Amino acid sequence: MNEKTKRIKFQNQQNLKSQFDIIRLEELYQRTGLDHSIEAHHKVEFYILLFIEKGQGYHTIDFTDYACEKGTLLTIRKDQIHKFFKSKSLKGVLLAFTNQFLVSYLEKIEAQKTMLLFNELLSVPKLQLDNTNFNSINQLIKRIENEYFTINDDHSLSVIRNELHILTTQLLRLKAKHEQLNFEKKYLKEFIELQHLVEKNVNKTTKVKDFANQMGLSIKTLNTVTKHIVHKSAKAFIDEICTKQIKRLLLNTKLSIKEIAYKSGFEETTNFYKYFKRQTLTTPEQFRLEN
């Protein structure tokens, strides 16, 4: 694939063996010699928690611009496209880690719950903290920073892993309080299974019947699942994921429109154009040009 921007692999400049890193925003803005521009769309192969301490600015995640200020916390999932807007006033910290760093040390059910925090299909990536919660989360992050930069001994990564687990659990609690996330929702297990199947196979089919058959469910049940969790039909949910993956190809590769159409499962380019315009009200070329 001839990429327009690289997929950004996890790389810790301070500790090459670590699957965790923490970077001050101010430092990131000053970094030189990177093989990509942080102000251009890029896809990450790891998870990010972005915590804003003060100032004002913006950050883009999957084609949506989020306003940032004191107390803004953004979650970025592996394989999402995002970009920074450099701001002299914006101060904060970025916690980056691989899937293995956190979840491989947790029980399966706890790991699945943790990953829900980063699932943008279940809740928006932005959480705005009030002063009380800001102070609580800030103290946790300061402890992680101190362990990482100051103590930095043989036990530090284990301590950080536990602190990070506490941090993600606190954030899950806050999202639940804000009614952004409900772990007890009926059909949540089925929804997550459907999401994984669609993200993996949507370039082969967008038919509800095909995914219902794979899950051993009826089309009616699948519609009940998606309407209960994300308040939309199964077809609308599948189309949303398909469109998002097309957008990622348009921005993250130099593939021609015809190649992207074929890669997305469309045998005829004209059908691809009709589908994309119906979903986005714009053409693939216009989307690529404007973003």
C-alpha atoms as a PDB file:
ATOM      1  CA  MET A   1       0.000   0.000   0.000  1.00  0.00           C
ATOM      2  CA  ASN A   2       1.316   3.418  -0.935  1.00  0.00           C
ATOM      3  CA  GLU A   3       0.490   5.409   2.181  1.00  0.00           C
ATOM      4  CA  LYS A   4      -0.081   9.140   2.376  1.00  0.00           C
ATOM      5  CA  THR A   5       0.661   9.117   6.105  1.00  0.00           C
ATOM      6  CA  LYS A   6       2.269   6.327   8.066  1.00  0.00           C
ATOM      7  CA  ARG A   7       0.613   4.085  10.570  1.00  0.00           C
ATOM      8  CA  ILE A   8       2.269   5.152  13.801  1.00  0.00           C
ATOM      9  CA  LYS A   9       3.679   2.201  15.690  1.00  0.00           C
ATOM     10  CA  PHE A  10       4.293   2.356  19.415  1.00  0.00           C
ATOM     11  CA  GLN A  11       7.835   3.468  20.176  1.00  0.00           C
ATOM     12  CA  ASN A  12       9.090   4.532  23.568  1.00  0.00           C
ATOM     13  CA  GLN A  13      12.156   6.738  23.138  1.00  0.00           C
ATOM     14  CA  GLN A  14      13.085   6.552  26.819  1.00  0.00           C
ATOM     15  CA  ASN A  15      12.647   2.812  27.385  1.00  0.00           C
ATOM     16  CA  LEU A  16      12.622   0.693  24.232  1.00  0.00           C
ATOM     17  CA  LYS A  17      11.259  -2.347  26.078  1.00  0.00           C
ATOM     18  CA  SER A  18       8.354  -0.517  27.701  1.00  0.00           C
ATOM     19  CA  GLN A  19       4.849  -0.747  26.268  1.00  0.00           C
ATOM     20  CA  PHE A  20       3.888   2.481  28.043  1.00  0.00           C
ATOM     21  CA  ASP A  21       4.949   6.096  27.570  1.00  0.00           C
ATOM     22  CA  ILE A  22       3.944   9.485  28.905  1.00  0.00           C
ATOM     23  CA  ILE A  23       4.632  12.727  27.032  1.00  0.00           C
ATOM     24  CA  ARG A  24       3.945  16.345  27.934  1.00  0.00           C
ATOM     25  CA  LEU A  25       1.980  18.095  25.193  1.00  0.00           C
ATOM     26  CA  GLU A  26       4.408  21.014  25.318  1.00  0.00           C
ATOM     27  CA  GLU A  27       7.291  18.608  24.646  1.00  0.00           C
ATOM     28  CA  LEU A  28       5.450  16.827  21.843  1.00  0.00           C
ATOM     29  CA  TYR A  29       4.811  20.140  20.072  1.00  0.00           C
ATOM     30  CA  GLN A  30       8.557  20.859  20.148  1.00  0.00           C
ATOM     31  CA  ARG A  31       9.747  17.468  18.885  1.00  0.00           C
ATOM     32  CA  THR A  32      11.689  17.424  15.643  1.00  0.00           C
ATOM     33  CA  GLY A  33      12.781  14.587  13.397  1.00  0.00           C
ATOM     34  CA  LEU A  34       9.452  12.757  13.526  1.00  0.00           C
ATOM     35  CA  ASP A  35       8.587  10.668  10.451  1.00  0.00           C
ATOM     36  CA  HIS A  36       5.089  12.194  10.377  1.00  0.00           C
ATOM     37  CA  SER A  37       3.367  15.488  11.083  1.00  0.00           C
ATOM     38  CA  ILE A  38       1.281  15.464  14.256  1.00  0.00           C
ATOM     39  CA  GLU A  39      -0.870  18.190  12.663  1.00  0.00           C
ATOM     40  CA  ALA A  40      -1.858  15.877   9.799  1.00  0.00           C
ATOM     41  CA  HIS A  41      -4.223  12.929  10.091  1.00  0.00           C
ATOM     42  CA  HIS A  42      -2.365   9.824  11.261  1.00  0.00           C
ATOM     43  CA  LYS A  43      -3.395   6.383  12.482  1.00  0.00           C
ATOM     44  CA  VAL A  44      -2.011   4.998  15.739  1.00  0.00           C
ATOM     45  CA  GLU A  45      -1.431   1.339  16.619  1.00  0.00           C
ATOM     46  CA  PHE A  46      -1.870   1.901  20.350  1.00  0.00           C
ATOM     47  CA  TYR A  47      -4.189   3.563  22.879  1.00  0.00           C
ATOM     48  CA  ILE A  48      -4.013   7.184  24.017  1.00  0.00           C
ATOM     49  CA  LEU A  49      -5.407   9.101  26.976  1.00  0.00           C
ATOM     50  CA  LEU A  50      -5.053  12.849  26.415  1.00  0.00           C
ATOM     51  CA  PHE A  51      -5.533  14.965  29.563  1.00  0.00           C
ATOM     52  CA  ILE A  52      -5.728  18.770  29.345  1.00  0.00           C
ATOM     53  CA  GLU A  53      -4.505  20.723  32.390  1.00  0.00           C
ATOM     54  CA  LYS A  54      -5.094  24.257  31.100  1.00  0.00           C
ATOM     55  CA  GLY A  55      -5.454  26.411  28.010  1.00  0.00           C
ATOM     56  CA  GLN A  56      -7.748  26.074  25.023  1.00  0.00           C
ATOM     57  CA  GLY A  57      -7.465  24.300  21.693  1.00  0.00           C
ATOM     58  CA  TYR A  58      -8.788  21.489  19.535  1.00  0.00           C
ATOM     59  CA  HIS A  59      -8.064  17.864  18.741  1.00  0.00           C
ATOM     60  CA  THR A  60      -9.476  15.798  15.872  1.00  0.00           C
ATOM     61  CA  ILE A  61     -10.513  12.159  16.304  1.00  0.00           C
ATOM     62  CA  ASP A  62     -11.986  10.281  13.344  1.00  0.00           C
ATOM     63  CA  PHE A  63     -12.912  13.462  11.455  1.00  0.00           C
ATOM     64  CA  THR A  64     -14.590  15.205  14.410  1.00  0.00           C
ATOM     65  CA  ASP A  65     -13.019  18.284  16.033  1.00  0.00           C
ATOM     66  CA  TYR A  66     -13.250  18.348  19.827  1.00  0.00           C
ATOM     67  CA  ALA A  67     -12.786  21.585  21.756  1.00  0.00           C
ATOM     68  CA  CYS A  68     -10.245  21.211  24.574  1.00  0.00           C
ATOM     69  CA  GLU A  69      -9.880  23.139  27.821  1.00  0.00           C
ATOM     70  CA  LYS A  70      -8.952  22.505  31.446  1.00  0.00           C
ATOM     71  CA  GLY A  71     -10.458  19.153  32.450  1.00  0.00           C
ATOM     72  CA  THR A  72     -10.916  17.756  28.939  1.00  0.00           C
ATOM     73  CA  LEU A  73      -9.992  14.095  28.671  1.00  0.00           C
ATOM     74  CA  LEU A  74      -9.919  12.374  25.273  1.00  0.00           C
ATOM     75  CA  THR A  75      -9.716   8.639  24.606  1.00  0.00           C
ATOM     76  CA  ILE A  76      -8.215   7.444  21.323  1.00  0.00           C
ATOM     77  CA  ARG A  77      -8.556   3.822  20.305  1.00  0.00           C
ATOM     78  CA  LYS A  78      -6.031   1.766  18.388  1.00  0.00           C
ATOM     79  CA  ASP A  79      -6.503   2.236  14.608  1.00  0.00           C
ATOM     80  CA  GLN A  80      -8.366   5.529  14.953  1.00  0.00           C
ATOM     81  CA  ILE A  81      -7.230   8.489  12.881  1.00  0.00           C
ATOM     82  CA  HIS A  82      -6.481  11.674  14.790  1.00  0.00           C
ATOM     83  CA  LYS A  83      -4.468  14.877  14.575  1.00  0.00           C
ATOM     84  CA  PHE A  84      -3.224  17.629  16.880  1.00  0.00           C
ATOM     85  CA  PHE A  85      -3.746  21.367  16.596  1.00  0.00           C
ATOM     86  CA  LYS A  86      -0.713  23.051  18.104  1.00  0.00           C
ATOM     87  CA  SER A  87      -1.703  25.647  20.691  1.00  0.00           C
ATOM     88  CA  LYS A  88       0.688  27.725  22.788  1.00  0.00           C
ATOM     89  CA  SER A  89      -1.855  27.931  25.600  1.00  0.00           C
ATOM     90  CA  LEU A  90      -2.689  24.222  25.749  1.00  0.00           C
ATOM     91  CA  LYS A  91      -0.902  22.312  28.522  1.00  0.00           C
ATOM     92  CA  GLY A  92      -1.423  18.682  29.320  1.00  0.00           C
ATOM     93  CA  VAL A  93      -0.163  15.146  29.141  1.00  0.00           C
ATOM     94  CA  LEU A  94      -0.509  12.219  26.790  1.00  0.00           C
ATOM     95  CA  LEU A  95      -0.481   8.650  28.123  1.00  0.00           C
ATOM     96  CA  ALA A  96       0.217   6.072  25.415  1.00  0.00           C
ATOM     97  CA  PHE A  97       0.206   2.314  25.846  1.00  0.00           C
ATOM     98  CA  THR A  98      -0.304  -0.883  23.919  1.00  0.00           C
ATOM     99  CA  ASN A  99      -3.146  -3.300  24.437  1.00  0.00           C
ATOM    100  CA  GLN A 100      -0.718  -5.804  25.954  1.00  0.00           C
ATOM    101  CA  PHE A 101       0.604  -3.391  28.588  1.00  0.00           C
ATOM    102  CA  LEU A 102      -2.669  -3.178  30.455  1.00  0.00           C
ATOM    103  CA  VAL A 103      -5.067  -5.948  29.551  1.00  0.00           C
ATOM    104  CA  SER A 104      -2.683  -8.906  29.520  1.00  0.00           C
ATOM    105  CA  TYR A 105      -2.394  -8.539  33.295  1.00  0.00           C
ATOM    106  CA  LEU A 106      -6.141  -8.354  33.920  1.00  0.00           C
ATOM    107  CA  GLU A 107      -8.858 -10.951  34.138  1.00  0.00           C
ATOM    108  CA  LYS A 108     -10.754 -11.308  30.836  1.00  0.00           C
ATOM    109  CA  ILE A 109     -13.939  -9.626  32.049  1.00  0.00           C
ATOM    110  CA  GLU A 110     -11.957  -6.741  33.571  1.00  0.00           C
ATOM    111  CA  ALA A 111      -9.930  -6.326  30.358  1.00  0.00           C
ATOM    112  CA  GLN A 112     -13.101  -6.205  28.259  1.00  0.00           C
ATOM    113  CA  LYS A 113     -14.572  -3.584  30.569  1.00  0.00           C
ATOM    114  CA  THR A 114     -11.408  -1.462  30.340  1.00  0.00           C
ATOM    115  CA  MET A 115     -11.479  -1.519  26.548  1.00  0.00           C
ATOM    116  CA  LEU A 116     -15.065  -0.175  26.603  1.00  0.00           C
ATOM    117  CA  LEU A 117     -13.591   3.155  27.710  1.00  0.00           C
ATOM    118  CA  PHE A 118     -11.982   3.526  24.269  1.00  0.00           C
ATOM    119  CA  ASN A 119     -14.939   2.292  22.224  1.00  0.00           C
ATOM    120  CA  GLU A 120     -16.130   5.401  20.372  1.00  0.00           C
ATOM    121  CA  LEU A 121     -19.238   3.564  19.146  1.00  0.00           C
ATOM    122  CA  LEU A 122     -20.497   3.234  22.719  1.00  0.00           C
ATOM    123  CA  SER A 123     -19.649   6.721  23.985  1.00  0.00           C
ATOM    124  CA  VAL A 124     -18.060   9.909  22.696  1.00  0.00           C
ATOM    125  CA  PRO A 125     -14.247  10.111  23.038  1.00  0.00           C
ATOM    126  CA  LYS A 126     -14.484  13.339  25.059  1.00  0.00           C
ATOM    127  CA  LEU A 127     -15.133  13.553  28.800  1.00  0.00           C
ATOM    128  CA  GLN A 128     -15.252  16.986  30.448  1.00  0.00           C
ATOM    129  CA  LEU A 129     -14.286  16.878  34.134  1.00  0.00           C
ATOM    130  CA  ASP A 130     -15.585  19.241  36.786  1.00  0.00           C
ATOM    131  CA  ASN A 131     -13.144  20.723  39.333  1.00  0.00           C
ATOM    132  CA  THR A 132     -13.512  17.901  41.859  1.00  0.00           C
ATOM    133  CA  ASN A 133     -12.981  15.140  39.310  1.00  0.00           C
ATOM    134  CA  PHE A 134     -10.225  17.145  37.628  1.00  0.00           C
ATOM    135  CA  ASN A 135      -8.255  17.240  40.892  1.00  0.00           C
ATOM    136  CA  SER A 136      -8.782  13.520  41.492  1.00  0.00           C
ATOM    137  CA  ILE A 137      -7.699  12.472  37.984  1.00  0.00           C
ATOM    138  CA  ASN A 138      -4.835  14.981  37.985  1.00  0.00           C
ATOM    139  CA  GLN A 139      -3.447  13.483  41.206  1.00  0.00           C
ATOM    140  CA  LEU A 140      -3.527  10.005  39.672  1.00  0.00           C
ATOM    141  CA  ILE A 141      -1.694  11.170  36.566  1.00  0.00           C
ATOM    142  CA  LYS A 142       0.872  13.068  38.656  1.00  0.00           C
ATOM    143  CA  ARG A 143       1.604   9.840  40.561  1.00  0.00           C
ATOM    144  CA  ILE A 144       2.130   8.028  37.251  1.00  0.00           C
ATOM    145  CA  GLU A 145       4.434  10.820  36.034  1.00  0.00           C
ATOM    146  CA  ASN A 146       6.441  10.726  39.260  1.00  0.00           C
ATOM    147  CA  GLU A 147       6.814   6.936  39.058  1.00  0.00           C
ATOM    148  CA  TYR A 148       7.832   7.108  35.407  1.00  0.00           C
ATOM    149  CA  PHE A 149      10.231  10.056  35.421  1.00  0.00           C
ATOM    150  CA  THR A 150      11.512  10.321  39.009  1.00  0.00           C
ATOM    151  CA  ILE A 151      11.437   6.924  40.719  1.00  0.00           C
ATOM    152  CA  ASN A 152      11.930   4.821  37.579  1.00  0.00           C
ATOM    153  CA  ASP A 153      13.179   1.605  39.191  1.00  0.00           C
ATOM    154  CA  ASP A 154      12.563  -2.102  38.551  1.00  0.00           C
ATOM    155  CA  HIS A 155       9.105  -1.862  40.093  1.00  0.00           C
ATOM    156  CA  SER A 156       7.930   1.272  38.328  1.00  0.00           C
ATOM    157  CA  LEU A 157       6.178  -0.301  35.332  1.00  0.00           C
ATOM    158  CA  SER A 158       4.211  -2.621  37.614  1.00  0.00           C
ATOM    159  CA  VAL A 159       3.167   0.340  39.768  1.00  0.00           C
ATOM    160  CA  ILE A 160       2.235   2.336  36.645  1.00  0.00           C
ATOM    161  CA  ARG A 161       0.193  -0.560  35.286  1.00  0.00           C
ATOM    162  CA  ASN A 162      -1.831  -0.686  38.492  1.00  0.00           C
ATOM    163  CA  GLU A 163      -2.231   3.102  38.622  1.00  0.00           C
ATOM    164  CA  LEU A 164      -3.333   3.090  34.976  1.00  0.00           C
ATOM    165  CA  HIS A 165      -5.912   0.443  35.750  1.00  0.00           C
ATOM    166  CA  ILE A 166      -7.217   2.622  38.600  1.00  0.00           C
ATOM    167  CA  LEU A 167      -7.272   5.626  36.248  1.00  0.00           C
ATOM    168  CA  THR A 168      -9.252   3.831  33.515  1.00  0.00           C
ATOM    169  CA  THR A 169     -11.665   2.437  36.118  1.00  0.00           C
ATOM    170  CA  GLN A 170     -12.234   5.926  37.546  1.00  0.00           C
ATOM    171  CA  LEU A 171     -12.928   7.230  34.043  1.00  0.00           C
ATOM    172  CA  LEU A 172     -15.358   4.376  33.372  1.00  0.00           C
ATOM    173  CA  ARG A 173     -17.190   5.315  36.584  1.00  0.00           C
ATOM    174  CA  LEU A 174     -17.398   8.952  35.471  1.00  0.00           C
ATOM    175  CA  LYS A 175     -18.698   7.985  32.041  1.00  0.00           C
ATOM    176  CA  ALA A 176     -21.326   5.799  33.693  1.00  0.00           C
ATOM    177  CA  LYS A 177     -22.389   8.724  35.912  1.00  0.00           C
ATOM    178  CA  HIS A 178     -22.656  10.940  32.839  1.00  0.00           C
ATOM    179  CA  GLU A 179     -24.808   8.202  31.249  1.00  0.00           C
ATOM    180  CA  GLN A 180     -22.270   7.902  28.441  1.00  0.00           C
ATOM    181  CA  LEU A 181     -21.676   4.243  29.183  1.00  0.00           C
ATOM    182  CA  ASN A 182     -23.755   1.526  30.820  1.00  0.00           C
ATOM    183  CA  PHE A 183     -22.099  -1.825  31.560  1.00  0.00           C
ATOM    184  CA  GLU A 184     -25.395  -3.422  32.521  1.00  0.00           C
ATOM    185  CA  LYS A 185     -27.092  -2.734  29.198  1.00  0.00           C
ATOM    186  CA  LYS A 186     -28.973  -5.662  27.767  1.00  0.00           C
ATOM    187  CA  TYR A 187     -27.457  -6.916  24.491  1.00  0.00           C
ATOM    188  CA  LEU A 188     -24.038  -5.281  25.181  1.00  0.00           C
ATOM    189  CA  LYS A 189     -22.232  -8.606  24.678  1.00  0.00           C
ATOM    190  CA  GLU A 190     -24.017  -9.192  21.362  1.00  0.00           C
ATOM    191  CA  PHE A 191     -23.312  -5.633  20.261  1.00  0.00           C
ATOM    192  CA  ILE A 192     -19.552  -5.970  20.905  1.00  0.00           C
ATOM    193  CA  GLU A 193     -19.525  -9.252  18.973  1.00  0.00           C
ATOM    194  CA  LEU A 194     -21.351  -7.597  16.070  1.00  0.00           C
ATOM    195  CA  GLN A 195     -18.977  -4.635  16.122  1.00  0.00           C
ATOM    196  CA  HIS A 196     -15.922  -6.899  15.866  1.00  0.00           C
ATOM    197  CA  LEU A 197     -17.486  -8.892  13.017  1.00  0.00           C
ATOM    198  CA  VAL A 198     -18.456  -5.780  11.076  1.00  0.00           C
ATOM    199  CA  GLU A 199     -15.086  -4.060  11.508  1.00  0.00           C
ATOM    200  CA  LYS A 200     -13.369  -7.213  10.257  1.00  0.00           C
ATOM    201  CA  ASN A 201     -15.705  -8.117   7.384  1.00  0.00           C
ATOM    202  CA  VAL A 202     -17.492  -4.947   6.219  1.00  0.00           C
ATOM    203  CA  ASN A 203     -15.293  -4.827   3.100  1.00  0.00           C
ATOM    204  CA  LYS A 204     -16.873  -8.170   2.120  1.00  0.00           C
ATOM    205  CA  THR A 205     -20.514  -7.459   2.900  1.00  0.00           C
ATOM    206  CA  THR A 206     -22.788  -4.757   4.325  1.00  0.00           C
ATOM    207  CA  LYS A 207     -25.863  -6.989   4.438  1.00  0.00           C
ATOM    208  CA  VAL A 208     -27.543  -7.356   7.827  1.00  0.00           C
ATOM    209  CA  LYS A 209     -28.571 -10.910   6.885  1.00  0.00           C
ATOM    210  CA  ASP A 210     -24.933 -12.001   6.496  1.00  0.00           C
ATOM    211  CA  PHE A 211     -23.923 -10.770   9.963  1.00  0.00           C
ATOM    212  CA  ALA A 212     -27.092 -12.174  11.526  1.00  0.00           C
ATOM    213  CA  ASN A 213     -26.241 -15.583  10.061  1.00  0.00           C
ATOM    214  CA  GLN A 214     -22.661 -15.395  11.375  1.00  0.00           C
ATOM    215  CA  MET A 215     -23.984 -14.713  14.876  1.00  0.00           C
ATOM    216  CA  GLY A 216     -26.795 -17.248  14.682  1.00  0.00           C
ATOM    217  CA  LEU A 217     -29.404 -14.533  15.220  1.00  0.00           C
ATOM    218  CA  SER A 218     -32.408 -13.311  13.257  1.00  0.00           C
ATOM    219  CA  ILE A 219     -32.366  -9.976  11.428  1.00  0.00           C
ATOM    220  CA  LYS A 220     -35.068  -8.787  13.826  1.00  0.00           C
ATOM    221  CA  THR A 221     -32.899  -9.618  16.864  1.00  0.00           C
ATOM    222  CA  LEU A 222     -29.874  -7.895  15.345  1.00  0.00           C
ATOM    223  CA  ASN A 223     -31.947  -4.746  14.810  1.00  0.00           C
ATOM    224  CA  THR A 224     -33.113  -4.987  18.422  1.00  0.00           C
ATOM    225  CA  VAL A 225     -29.462  -5.204  19.569  1.00  0.00           C
ATOM    226  CA  THR A 226     -28.298  -2.085  17.703  1.00  0.00           C
ATOM    227  CA  LYS A 227     -31.417  -0.046  18.495  1.00  0.00           C
ATOM    228  CA  HIS A 228     -31.043  -0.858  22.197  1.00  0.00           C
ATOM    229  CA  ILE A 229     -27.338   0.050  22.364  1.00  0.00           C
ATOM    230  CA  VAL A 230     -26.784   2.842  19.803  1.00  0.00           C
ATOM    231  CA  HIS A 231     -30.369   3.760  18.872  1.00  0.00           C
ATOM    232  CA  LYS A 232     -30.068   2.950  15.176  1.00  0.00           C
ATOM    233  CA  SER A 233     -30.910   0.084  12.850  1.00  0.00           C
ATOM    234  CA  ALA A 234     -28.401  -2.685  12.187  1.00  0.00           C
ATOM    235  CA  LYS A 235     -28.053  -1.491   8.584  1.00  0.00           C
ATOM    236  CA  ALA A 236     -27.335   2.104   9.694  1.00  0.00           C
ATOM    237  CA  PHE A 237     -24.765   0.803  12.175  1.00  0.00           C
ATOM    238  CA  ILE A 238     -23.029  -1.329   9.528  1.00  0.00           C
ATOM    239  CA  ASP A 239     -23.032   1.567   7.063  1.00  0.00           C
ATOM    240  CA  GLU A 240     -21.512   3.863   9.701  1.00  0.00           C
ATOM    241  CA  ILE A 241     -18.535   1.517  10.170  1.00  0.00           C
ATOM    242  CA  CYS A 242     -18.172   0.975   6.417  1.00  0.00           C
ATOM    243  CA  THR A 243     -18.168   4.732   5.757  1.00  0.00           C
ATOM    244  CA  LYS A 244     -15.630   5.358   8.497  1.00  0.00           C
ATOM    245  CA  GLN A 245     -13.273   2.758   7.018  1.00  0.00           C
ATOM    246  CA  ILE A 246     -13.652   4.310   3.562  1.00  0.00           C
ATOM    247  CA  LYS A 247     -12.815   7.739   5.007  1.00  0.00           C
ATOM    248  CA  ARG A 248      -9.702   6.293   6.631  1.00  0.00           C
ATOM    249  CA  LEU A 249      -8.563   4.871   3.283  1.00  0.00           C
ATOM    250  CA  LEU A 250      -9.228   8.178   1.540  1.00  0.00           C
ATOM    251  CA  LEU A 251      -7.123  10.113   4.051  1.00  0.00           C
ATOM    252  CA  ASN A 252      -4.498   7.570   4.985  1.00  0.00           C
ATOM    253  CA  THR A 253      -3.524   6.202   1.561  1.00  0.00           C
ATOM    254  CA  LYS A 254      -2.716   7.353  -1.949  1.00  0.00           C
ATOM    255  CA  LEU A 255      -4.900   4.645  -3.443  1.00  0.00           C
ATOM    256  CA  SER A 256      -7.065   5.768  -6.347  1.00  0.00           C
ATOM    257  CA  ILE A 257     -10.823   6.059  -5.875  1.00  0.00           C
ATOM    258  CA  LYS A 258     -11.263   2.942  -8.009  1.00  0.00           C
ATOM    259  CA  GLU A 259      -8.799   1.005  -5.825  1.00  0.00           C
ATOM    260  CA  ILE A 260     -10.524   2.158  -2.644  1.00  0.00           C
ATOM    261  CA  ALA A 261     -13.891   1.160  -4.083  1.00  0.00           C
ATOM    262  CA  TYR A 262     -12.599  -2.341  -4.816  1.00  0.00           C
ATOM    263  CA  LYS A 263     -10.860  -2.595  -1.434  1.00  0.00           C
ATOM    264  CA  SER A 264     -14.117  -1.583   0.250  1.00  0.00           C
ATOM    265  CA  GLY A 265     -16.066  -4.357  -1.466  1.00  0.00           C
ATOM    266  CA  PHE A 266     -17.614  -2.477  -4.401  1.00  0.00           C
ATOM    267  CA  GLU A 267     -17.233  -4.127  -7.796  1.00  0.00           C
ATOM    268  CA  GLU A 268     -18.540  -1.051  -9.618  1.00  0.00           C
ATOM    269  CA  THR A 269     -17.023   2.385  -8.937  1.00  0.00           C
ATOM    270  CA  THR A 270     -20.330   4.075  -9.762  1.00  0.00           C
ATOM    271  CA  ASN A 271     -22.032   2.144  -6.946  1.00  0.00           C
ATOM    272  CA  PHE A 272     -19.221   3.186  -4.599  1.00  0.00           C
ATOM    273  CA  TYR A 273     -19.770   6.862  -5.497  1.00  0.00           C
ATOM    274  CA  LYS A 274     -23.522   6.577  -4.909  1.00  0.00           C
ATOM    275  CA  TYR A 275     -23.008   4.812  -1.574  1.00  0.00           C
ATOM    276  CA  PHE A 276     -20.437   7.301  -0.251  1.00  0.00           C
ATOM    277  CA  LYS A 277     -22.457  10.351  -1.328  1.00  0.00           C
ATOM    278  CA  ARG A 278     -25.617   8.909   0.213  1.00  0.00           C
ATOM    279  CA  GLN A 279     -23.781   8.424   3.526  1.00  0.00           C
ATOM    280  CA  THR A 280     -21.782  11.684   3.604  1.00  0.00           C
ATOM    281  CA  LEU A 281     -23.492  14.082   1.151  1.00  0.00           C
ATOM    282  CA  THR A 282     -20.136  14.584  -0.552  1.00  0.00           C
ATOM    283  CA  THR A 283     -17.994  12.764  -3.111  1.00  0.00           C
ATOM    284  CA  PRO A 284     -14.854  10.765  -2.245  1.00  0.00           C
ATOM    285  CA  GLU A 285     -12.706  13.347  -4.072  1.00  0.00           C
ATOM    286  CA  GLN A 286     -14.269  16.274  -2.203  1.00  0.00           C
ATOM    287  CA  PHE A 287     -13.806  14.526   1.156  1.00  0.00           C
ATOM    288  CA  ARG A 288     -10.158  13.772   0.387  1.00  0.00           C
ATOM    289  CA  LEU A 289      -9.522  17.344  -0.798  1.00  0.00           C
ATOM    290  CA  GLU A 290     -11.225  19.054   2.148  1.00  0.00           C
ATOM    291  CA  ASN A 291      -9.555  16.934   4.826  1.00  0.00           C
END
